[in-house]
Amino acid sequence: MEELGAHLDAQNIERLSKLMIERYGRSQILMVTLKDTTVAKATQIFGIYPKSGQSQIVHYKNPENVPLAQIKTSQ
Protein backbone atom coordinates (compact mmCIF):
# COMPACT_ATOMS: atom_id res chain seq x y z
CA MET A 1 0.00 0.00 0.00
CA GLU A 2 1.45 3.30 -0.99
CA GLU A 3 0.69 6.43 1.00
CA LEU A 4 -2.57 4.94 2.18
CA GLY A 5 -3.01 7.62 4.82
CA ALA A 6 -1.55 10.57 2.90
CA HIS A 7 -4.81 12.52 2.95
CA LEU A 8 -6.06 11.46 6.37
CA ASP A 9 -5.99 13.58 9.51
CA ALA A 10 -4.29 12.34 12.69
CA GLN A 11 -7.47 10.84 14.16
CA ASN A 12 -8.20 8.79 11.04
CA ILE A 13 -4.55 7.71 10.69
CA GLU A 14 -4.81 6.31 14.22
CA ARG A 15 -8.08 4.52 13.35
CA LEU A 16 -6.52 3.08 10.19
CA SER A 17 -3.44 1.89 12.09
CA LYS A 18 -5.55 0.12 14.73
CA LEU A 19 -7.70 -1.50 12.08
CA MET A 20 -4.67 -2.82 10.18
CA ILE A 21 -3.08 -4.19 13.37
CA GLU A 22 -6.33 -5.91 14.40
CA ARG A 23 -7.00 -7.48 11.02
CA TYR A 24 -3.60 -8.36 9.61
CA GLY A 25 -3.54 -11.78 11.33
CA ARG A 26 -0.69 -13.79 9.85
CA SER A 27 -0.40 -11.60 6.78
CA GLN A 28 2.49 -9.37 5.91
CA ILE A 29 1.72 -5.83 4.86
CA LEU A 30 4.12 -3.58 3.01
CA MET A 31 3.17 0.05 3.42
CA VAL A 32 4.87 3.15 2.06
CA THR A 33 4.34 6.09 4.39
CA LEU A 34 5.88 9.30 5.60
CA LYS A 35 3.66 9.50 8.70
CA ASP A 36 5.69 9.14 11.91
CA THR A 37 2.71 7.72 13.79
CA THR A 38 2.32 4.91 11.26
CA VAL A 39 6.05 4.18 11.12
CA ALA A 40 6.13 3.97 14.92
CA LYS A 41 3.73 0.99 14.82
CA ALA A 42 5.75 -1.04 12.32
CA THR A 43 7.43 -4.32 13.25
CA GLN A 44 10.08 -3.79 10.57
CA ILE A 45 11.20 -0.65 8.79
CA PHE A 46 13.01 -0.39 5.47
CA GLY A 47 14.32 2.98 4.38
CA ILE A 48 15.60 3.71 0.89
CA TYR A 49 17.43 6.93 0.08
CA PRO A 50 19.91 8.16 -2.55
CA LYS A 51 23.60 8.52 -1.76
CA SER A 52 26.25 9.23 -4.39
CA GLY A 53 23.82 8.36 -7.17
CA GLN A 54 22.92 4.94 -5.75
CA SER A 55 20.05 3.71 -3.61
CA GLN A 56 21.00 2.93 -0.03
CA ILE A 57 18.85 0.68 2.16
CA VAL A 58 18.52 0.65 5.94
CA HIS A 59 16.56 -2.04 7.76
CA TYR A 60 15.38 -2.18 11.36
CA LYS A 61 13.90 -5.49 12.54
CA ASN A 62 12.89 -4.25 15.98
CA PRO A 63 12.18 -0.54 15.54
CA GLU A 64 10.67 -0.28 19.02
CA ASN A 65 14.28 -0.53 20.27
CA VAL A 66 15.46 2.33 18.03
CA PRO A 67 14.38 5.95 18.58
CA LEU A 68 12.36 7.28 15.63
CA ALA A 69 14.66 10.31 15.46
CA GLN A 70 17.62 7.98 14.83
CA ILE A 71 15.76 6.20 12.02
CA LYS A 72 14.95 9.55 10.38
CA THR A 73 18.56 10.75 10.56
CA SER A 74 20.29 7.50 9.56
CA GLN A 75 20.66 8.81 6.04
PDB file of N, CA and C in Angstrom:
ATOM      1  N   MET A   1       0.844  -1.164   0.000  1.00  0.00           N
ATOM      2  CA  MET A   1       0.000   0.000   0.000  1.00  0.00           C
ATOM      3  C   MET A   1       0.891   1.228   0.000  1.00  0.00           C
ATOM      4  N   GLU A   2       0.617   2.104  -0.891  1.00  0.00           N
ATOM      5  CA  GLU A   2       1.449   3.296  -0.989  1.00  0.00           C
ATOM      6  C   GLU A   2       0.690   4.520  -0.512  1.00  0.00           C
ATOM      7  N   GLU A   3       1.251   5.198   0.469  1.00  0.00           N
ATOM      8  CA  GLU A   3       0.688   6.433   1.001  1.00  0.00           C
ATOM      9  C   GLU A   3      -0.806   6.314   1.279  1.00  0.00           C
ATOM     10  N   LEU A   4      -1.178   5.207   1.881  1.00  0.00           N
ATOM     11  CA  LEU A   4      -2.574   4.939   2.181  1.00  0.00           C
ATOM     12  C   LEU A   4      -3.207   6.042   3.016  1.00  0.00           C
ATOM     13  N   GLY A   5      -2.459   6.596   3.940  1.00  0.00           N
ATOM     14  CA  GLY A   5      -3.008   7.623   4.818  1.00  0.00           C
ATOM     15  C   GLY A   5      -2.592   9.029   4.472  1.00  0.00           C
ATOM     16  N   ALA A   6      -2.095   9.253   3.274  1.00  0.00           N
ATOM     17  CA  ALA A   6      -1.554  10.567   2.902  1.00  0.00           C
ATOM     18  C   ALA A   6      -2.546  11.706   3.096  1.00  0.00           C
ATOM     19  N   HIS A   7      -3.831  11.444   2.862  1.00  0.00           N
ATOM     20  CA  HIS A   7      -4.815  12.518   2.945  1.00  0.00           C
ATOM     21  C   HIS A   7      -5.701  12.416   4.184  1.00  0.00           C
ATOM     22  N   LEU A   8      -5.274  11.617   5.145  1.00  0.00           N
ATOM     23  CA  LEU A   8      -6.064  11.465   6.366  1.00  0.00           C
ATOM     24  C   LEU A   8      -5.528  12.370   7.473  1.00  0.00           C
ATOM     25  N   ASP A   9      -6.418  12.803   8.348  1.00  0.00           N
ATOM     26  CA  ASP A   9      -5.989  13.578   9.505  1.00  0.00           C
ATOM     27  C   ASP A   9      -5.462  12.623  10.584  1.00  0.00           C
ATOM     28  N   ALA A  10      -4.926  13.162  11.648  1.00  0.00           N
ATOM     29  CA  ALA A  10      -4.289  12.344  12.692  1.00  0.00           C
ATOM     30  C   ALA A  10      -5.250  11.335  13.312  1.00  0.00           C
ATOM     31  N   GLN A  11      -6.484  11.741  13.553  1.00  0.00           N
ATOM     32  CA  GLN A  11      -7.466  10.840  14.161  1.00  0.00           C
ATOM     33  C   GLN A  11      -7.752   9.647  13.246  1.00  0.00           C
ATOM     34  N   ASN A  12      -7.902   9.888  11.964  1.00  0.00           N
ATOM     35  CA  ASN A  12      -8.201   8.793  11.045  1.00  0.00           C
ATOM     36  C   ASN A  12      -6.967   7.939  10.741  1.00  0.00           C
ATOM     37  N   ILE A  13      -5.785   8.511  10.815  1.00  0.00           N
ATOM     38  CA  ILE A  13      -4.554   7.709  10.694  1.00  0.00           C
ATOM     39  C   ILE A  13      -4.497   6.716  11.841  1.00  0.00           C
ATOM     40  N   GLU A  14      -4.821   7.183  13.048  1.00  0.00           N
ATOM     41  CA  GLU A  14      -4.814   6.310  14.223  1.00  0.00           C
ATOM     42  C   GLU A  14      -5.851   5.195  14.060  1.00  0.00           C
ATOM     43  N   ARG A  15      -7.035   5.530  13.584  1.00  0.00           N
ATOM     44  CA  ARG A  15      -8.080   4.524  13.354  1.00  0.00           C
ATOM     45  C   ARG A  15      -7.632   3.505  12.310  1.00  0.00           C
ATOM     46  N   LEU A  16      -7.017   3.979  11.235  1.00  0.00           N
ATOM     47  CA  LEU A  16      -6.522   3.082  10.189  1.00  0.00           C
ATOM     48  C   LEU A  16      -5.441   2.154  10.738  1.00  0.00           C
ATOM     49  N   SER A  17      -4.522   2.695  11.511  1.00  0.00           N
ATOM     50  CA  SER A  17      -3.440   1.887  12.088  1.00  0.00           C
ATOM     51  C   SER A  17      -3.993   0.782  12.982  1.00  0.00           C
ATOM     52  N   LYS A  18      -4.943   1.120  13.839  1.00  0.00           N
ATOM     53  CA  LYS A  18      -5.545   0.124  14.732  1.00  0.00           C
ATOM     54  C   LYS A  18      -6.260  -0.959  13.937  1.00  0.00           C
ATOM     55  N   LEU A  19      -6.993  -0.554  12.917  1.00  0.00           N
ATOM     56  CA  LEU A  19      -7.705  -1.504  12.078  1.00  0.00           C
ATOM     57  C   LEU A  19      -6.743  -2.472  11.389  1.00  0.00           C
ATOM     58  N   MET A  20      -5.647  -1.963  10.868  1.00  0.00           N
ATOM     59  CA  MET A  20      -4.673  -2.819  10.185  1.00  0.00           C
ATOM     60  C   MET A  20      -4.023  -3.786  11.165  1.00  0.00           C
ATOM     61  N   ILE A  21      -3.702  -3.312  12.366  1.00  0.00           N
ATOM     62  CA  ILE A  21      -3.080  -4.187  13.365  1.00  0.00           C
ATOM     63  C   ILE A  21      -4.049  -5.276  13.794  1.00  0.00           C
ATOM     64  N   GLU A  22      -5.323  -4.934  13.986  1.00  0.00           N
ATOM     65  CA  GLU A  22      -6.334  -5.911  14.403  1.00  0.00           C
ATOM     66  C   GLU A  22      -6.587  -6.970  13.336  1.00  0.00           C
ATOM     67  N   ARG A  23      -6.568  -6.580  12.081  1.00  0.00           N
ATOM     68  CA  ARG A  23      -7.003  -7.477  11.016  1.00  0.00           C
ATOM     69  C   ARG A  23      -5.897  -8.148  10.217  1.00  0.00           C
ATOM     70  N   TYR A  24      -4.635  -7.809  10.467  1.00  0.00           N
ATOM     71  CA  TYR A  24      -3.597  -8.364   9.608  1.00  0.00           C
ATOM     72  C   TYR A  24      -3.374  -9.851   9.851  1.00  0.00           C
ATOM     73  N   GLY A  25      -3.691 -10.359  11.043  1.00  0.00           N
ATOM     74  CA  GLY A  25      -3.539 -11.783  11.325  1.00  0.00           C
ATOM     75  C   GLY A  25      -2.131 -12.260  11.057  1.00  0.00           C
ATOM     76  N   ARG A  26      -2.002 -13.247  10.199  1.00  0.00           N
ATOM     77  CA  ARG A  26      -0.685 -13.787   9.853  1.00  0.00           C
ATOM     78  C   ARG A  26      -0.143 -13.210   8.555  1.00  0.00           C
ATOM     79  N   SER A  27      -0.811 -12.215   8.044  1.00  0.00           N
ATOM     80  CA  SER A  27      -0.402 -11.598   6.782  1.00  0.00           C
ATOM     81  C   SER A  27       0.764 -10.643   6.988  1.00  0.00           C
ATOM     82  N   GLN A  28       1.461 -10.392   5.914  1.00  0.00           N
ATOM     83  CA  GLN A  28       2.492  -9.366   5.915  1.00  0.00           C
ATOM     84  C   GLN A  28       1.974  -8.214   5.077  1.00  0.00           C
ATOM     85  N   ILE A  29       2.178  -7.011   5.562  1.00  0.00           N
ATOM     86  CA  ILE A  29       1.720  -5.826   4.856  1.00  0.00           C
ATOM     87  C   ILE A  29       2.922  -4.934   4.599  1.00  0.00           C
ATOM     88  N   LEU A  30       3.076  -4.530   3.371  1.00  0.00           N
ATOM     89  CA  LEU A  30       4.122  -3.584   3.008  1.00  0.00           C
ATOM     90  C   LEU A  30       3.443  -2.248   2.746  1.00  0.00           C
ATOM     91  N   MET A  31       3.820  -1.251   3.532  1.00  0.00           N
ATOM     92  CA  MET A  31       3.175   0.054   3.418  1.00  0.00           C
ATOM     93  C   MET A  31       4.240   1.124   3.230  1.00  0.00           C
ATOM     94  N   VAL A  32       4.006   1.995   2.279  1.00  0.00           N
ATOM     95  CA  VAL A  32       4.868   3.145   2.062  1.00  0.00           C
ATOM     96  C   VAL A  32       4.202   4.331   2.744  1.00  0.00           C
ATOM     97  N   THR A  33       4.924   4.966   3.654  1.00  0.00           N
ATOM     98  CA  THR A  33       4.336   6.094   4.385  1.00  0.00           C
ATOM     99  C   THR A  33       5.413   7.062   4.846  1.00  0.00           C
ATOM    100  N   LEU A  34       5.010   8.282   5.023  1.00  0.00           N
ATOM    101  CA  LEU A  34       5.877   9.303   5.605  1.00  0.00           C
ATOM    102  C   LEU A  34       5.361   9.747   6.973  1.00  0.00           C
ATOM    103  N   LYS A  35       4.277   9.137   7.422  1.00  0.00           N
ATOM    104  CA  LYS A  35       3.663   9.504   8.698  1.00  0.00           C
ATOM    105  C   LYS A  35       4.402   8.843   9.856  1.00  0.00           C
ATOM    106  N   ASP A  36       4.952   9.657  10.753  1.00  0.00           N
ATOM    107  CA  ASP A  36       5.690   9.136  11.909  1.00  0.00           C
ATOM    108  C   ASP A  36       4.840   8.212  12.768  1.00  0.00           C
ATOM    109  N   THR A  37       3.569   8.537  12.934  1.00  0.00           N
ATOM    110  CA  THR A  37       2.712   7.722  13.794  1.00  0.00           C
ATOM    111  C   THR A  37       2.505   6.325  13.217  1.00  0.00           C
ATOM    112  N   THR A  38       2.462   6.215  11.910  1.00  0.00           N
ATOM    113  CA  THR A  38       2.316   4.908  11.258  1.00  0.00           C
ATOM    114  C   THR A  38       3.632   4.144  11.323  1.00  0.00           C
ATOM    115  N   VAL A  39       4.724   4.815  11.056  1.00  0.00           N
ATOM    116  CA  VAL A  39       6.045   4.181  11.118  1.00  0.00           C
ATOM    117  C   VAL A  39       6.311   3.640  12.517  1.00  0.00           C
ATOM    118  N   ALA A  40       5.885   4.373  13.531  1.00  0.00           N
ATOM    119  CA  ALA A  40       6.132   3.968  14.920  1.00  0.00           C
ATOM    120  C   ALA A  40       5.452   2.652  15.281  1.00  0.00           C
ATOM    121  N   LYS A  41       4.440   2.239  14.545  1.00  0.00           N
ATOM    122  CA  LYS A  41       3.725   0.989  14.825  1.00  0.00           C
ATOM    123  C   LYS A  41       4.274  -0.203  14.044  1.00  0.00           C
ATOM    124  N   ALA A  42       5.221   0.022  13.176  1.00  0.00           N
ATOM    125  CA  ALA A  42       5.752  -1.038  12.317  1.00  0.00           C
ATOM    126  C   ALA A  42       6.593  -2.043  13.098  1.00  0.00           C
ATOM    127  N   THR A  43       6.576  -3.296  12.646  1.00  0.00           N
ATOM    128  CA  THR A  43       7.432  -4.316  13.250  1.00  0.00           C
ATOM    129  C   THR A  43       8.774  -4.400  12.536  1.00  0.00           C
ATOM    130  N   GLN A  44       8.830  -3.911  11.311  1.00  0.00           N
ATOM    131  CA  GLN A  44      10.078  -3.791  10.572  1.00  0.00           C
ATOM    132  C   GLN A  44      10.004  -2.522   9.736  1.00  0.00           C
ATOM    133  N   ILE A  45      11.139  -1.872   9.581  1.00  0.00           N
ATOM    134  CA  ILE A  45      11.196  -0.648   8.787  1.00  0.00           C
ATOM    135  C   ILE A  45      12.330  -0.783   7.773  1.00  0.00           C
ATOM    136  N   PHE A  46      12.008  -0.473   6.527  1.00  0.00           N
ATOM    137  CA  PHE A  46      13.008  -0.388   5.472  1.00  0.00           C
ATOM    138  C   PHE A  46      13.031   1.058   4.999  1.00  0.00           C
ATOM    139  N   GLY A  47      14.186   1.623   4.900  1.00  0.00           N
ATOM    140  CA  GLY A  47      14.318   2.979   4.380  1.00  0.00           C
ATOM    141  C   GLY A  47      15.206   2.948   3.153  1.00  0.00           C
ATOM    142  N   ILE A  48      14.808   3.643   2.115  1.00  0.00           N
ATOM    143  CA  ILE A  48      15.596   3.709   0.888  1.00  0.00           C
ATOM    144  C   ILE A  48      15.824   5.179   0.574  1.00  0.00           C
ATOM    145  N   TYR A  49      17.084   5.541   0.353  1.00  0.00           N
ATOM    146  CA  TYR A  49      17.426   6.928   0.080  1.00  0.00           C
ATOM    147  C   TYR A  49      18.627   6.972  -0.856  1.00  0.00           C
ATOM    148  N   PRO A  50      18.778   8.053  -1.631  1.00  0.00           N
ATOM    149  CA  PRO A  50      19.910   8.160  -2.555  1.00  0.00           C
ATOM    150  C   PRO A  50      21.173   8.636  -1.846  1.00  0.00           C
ATOM    151  N   LYS A  51      22.293   8.087  -2.266  1.00  0.00           N
ATOM    152  CA  LYS A  51      23.600   8.525  -1.763  1.00  0.00           C
ATOM    153  C   LYS A  51      24.616   8.277  -2.870  1.00  0.00           C
ATOM    154  N   SER A  52      25.259   9.317  -3.316  1.00  0.00           N
ATOM    155  CA  SER A  52      26.248   9.235  -4.388  1.00  0.00           C
ATOM    156  C   SER A  52      25.676   8.572  -5.636  1.00  0.00           C
ATOM    157  N   GLY A  53      24.432   8.879  -5.956  1.00  0.00           N
ATOM    158  CA  GLY A  53      23.820   8.361  -7.175  1.00  0.00           C
ATOM    159  C   GLY A  53      23.329   6.929  -7.087  1.00  0.00           C
ATOM    160  N   GLN A  54      23.388   6.316  -5.904  1.00  0.00           N
ATOM    161  CA  GLN A  54      22.924   4.937  -5.749  1.00  0.00           C
ATOM    162  C   GLN A  54      21.935   4.857  -4.592  1.00  0.00           C
ATOM    163  N   SER A  55      21.015   3.914  -4.693  1.00  0.00           N
ATOM    164  CA  SER A  55      20.050   3.706  -3.615  1.00  0.00           C
ATOM    165  C   SER A  55      20.716   3.008  -2.444  1.00  0.00           C
ATOM    166  N   GLN A  56      20.497   3.533  -1.259  1.00  0.00           N
ATOM    167  CA  GLN A  56      20.996   2.933  -0.025  1.00  0.00           C
ATOM    168  C   GLN A  56      19.798   2.423   0.759  1.00  0.00           C
ATOM    169  N   ILE A  57      19.947   1.288   1.417  1.00  0.00           N
ATOM    170  CA  ILE A  57      18.847   0.684   2.162  1.00  0.00           C
ATOM    171  C   ILE A  57      19.243   0.524   3.624  1.00  0.00           C
ATOM    172  N   VAL A  58      18.352   0.935   4.516  1.00  0.00           N
ATOM    173  CA  VAL A  58      18.522   0.655   5.944  1.00  0.00           C
ATOM    174  C   VAL A  58      17.348  -0.214   6.365  1.00  0.00           C
ATOM    175  N   HIS A  59      17.599  -1.101   7.317  1.00  0.00           N
ATOM    176  CA  HIS A  59      16.558  -2.036   7.762  1.00  0.00           C
ATOM    177  C   HIS A  59      16.630  -2.161   9.273  1.00  0.00           C
ATOM    178  N   TYR A  60      15.496  -1.998   9.916  1.00  0.00           N
ATOM    179  CA  TYR A  60      15.383  -2.176  11.364  1.00  0.00           C
ATOM    180  C   TYR A  60      14.364  -3.270  11.617  1.00  0.00           C
ATOM    181  N   LYS A  61      14.813  -4.386  12.246  1.00  0.00           N
ATOM    182  CA  LYS A  61      13.897  -5.486  12.538  1.00  0.00           C
ATOM    183  C   LYS A  61      13.071  -5.237  13.784  1.00  0.00           C
ATOM    184  N   ASN A  62      13.604  -4.535  14.742  1.00  0.00           N
ATOM    185  CA  ASN A  62      12.889  -4.246  15.983  1.00  0.00           C
ATOM    186  C   ASN A  62      12.900  -2.743  16.213  1.00  0.00           C
ATOM    187  N   PRO A  63      12.111  -2.004  15.438  1.00  0.00           N
ATOM    188  CA  PRO A  63      12.185  -0.543  15.539  1.00  0.00           C
ATOM    189  C   PRO A  63      11.771   0.009  16.891  1.00  0.00           C
ATOM    190  N   GLU A  64      11.048  -0.788  17.700  1.00  0.00           N
ATOM    191  CA  GLU A  64      10.674  -0.277  19.024  1.00  0.00           C
ATOM    192  C   GLU A  64      11.908  -0.080  19.897  1.00  0.00           C
ATOM    193  N   ASN A  65      13.034  -0.689  19.524  1.00  0.00           N
ATOM    194  CA  ASN A  65      14.280  -0.535  20.271  1.00  0.00           C
ATOM    195  C   ASN A  65      15.142   0.603  19.734  1.00  0.00           C
ATOM    196  N   VAL A  66      14.684   1.264  18.661  1.00  0.00           N
ATOM    197  CA  VAL A  66      15.456   2.330  18.025  1.00  0.00           C
ATOM    198  C   VAL A  66      14.614   3.610  18.040  1.00  0.00           C
ATOM    199  N   PRO A  67      15.148   4.702  18.574  1.00  0.00           N
ATOM    200  CA  PRO A  67      14.379   5.950  18.576  1.00  0.00           C
ATOM    201  C   PRO A  67      14.040   6.395  17.159  1.00  0.00           C
ATOM    202  N   LEU A  68      12.803   6.856  16.946  1.00  0.00           N
ATOM    203  CA  LEU A  68      12.355   7.283  15.631  1.00  0.00           C
ATOM    204  C   LEU A  68      13.262   8.375  15.067  1.00  0.00           C
ATOM    205  N   ALA A  69      13.764   9.244  15.919  1.00  0.00           N
ATOM    206  CA  ALA A  69      14.662  10.308  15.455  1.00  0.00           C
ATOM    207  C   ALA A  69      15.929   9.725  14.836  1.00  0.00           C
ATOM    208  N   GLN A  70      16.428   8.627  15.380  1.00  0.00           N
ATOM    209  CA  GLN A  70      17.621   7.976  14.825  1.00  0.00           C
ATOM    210  C   GLN A  70      17.318   7.374  13.463  1.00  0.00           C
ATOM    211  N   ILE A  71      16.157   6.786  13.307  1.00  0.00           N
ATOM    212  CA  ILE A  71      15.765   6.202  12.018  1.00  0.00           C
ATOM    213  C   ILE A  71      15.685   7.303  10.969  1.00  0.00           C
ATOM    214  N   LYS A  72      15.125   8.447  11.326  1.00  0.00           N
ATOM    215  CA  LYS A  72      14.950   9.550  10.381  1.00  0.00           C
ATOM    216  C   LYS A  72      16.279  10.182   9.990  1.00  0.00           C
ATOM    217  N   THR A  73      17.290  10.106  10.852  1.00  0.00           N
ATOM    218  CA  THR A  73      18.564  10.749  10.560  1.00  0.00           C
ATOM    219  C   THR A  73      19.642   9.759  10.133  1.00  0.00           C
ATOM    220  N   SER A  74      19.273   8.489   9.920  1.00  0.00           N
ATOM    221  CA  SER A  74      20.286   7.499   9.563  1.00  0.00           C
ATOM    222  C   SER A  74      20.784   7.649   8.135  1.00  0.00           C
ATOM    223  N   GLN A  75      20.218   8.575   7.400  1.00  0.00           N
ATOM    224  CA  GLN A  75      20.661   8.813   6.038  1.00  0.00           C
ATOM    225  C   GLN A  75      22.006   9.442   6.079  1.00  0.00           C
TER     226      GLN A  75
END
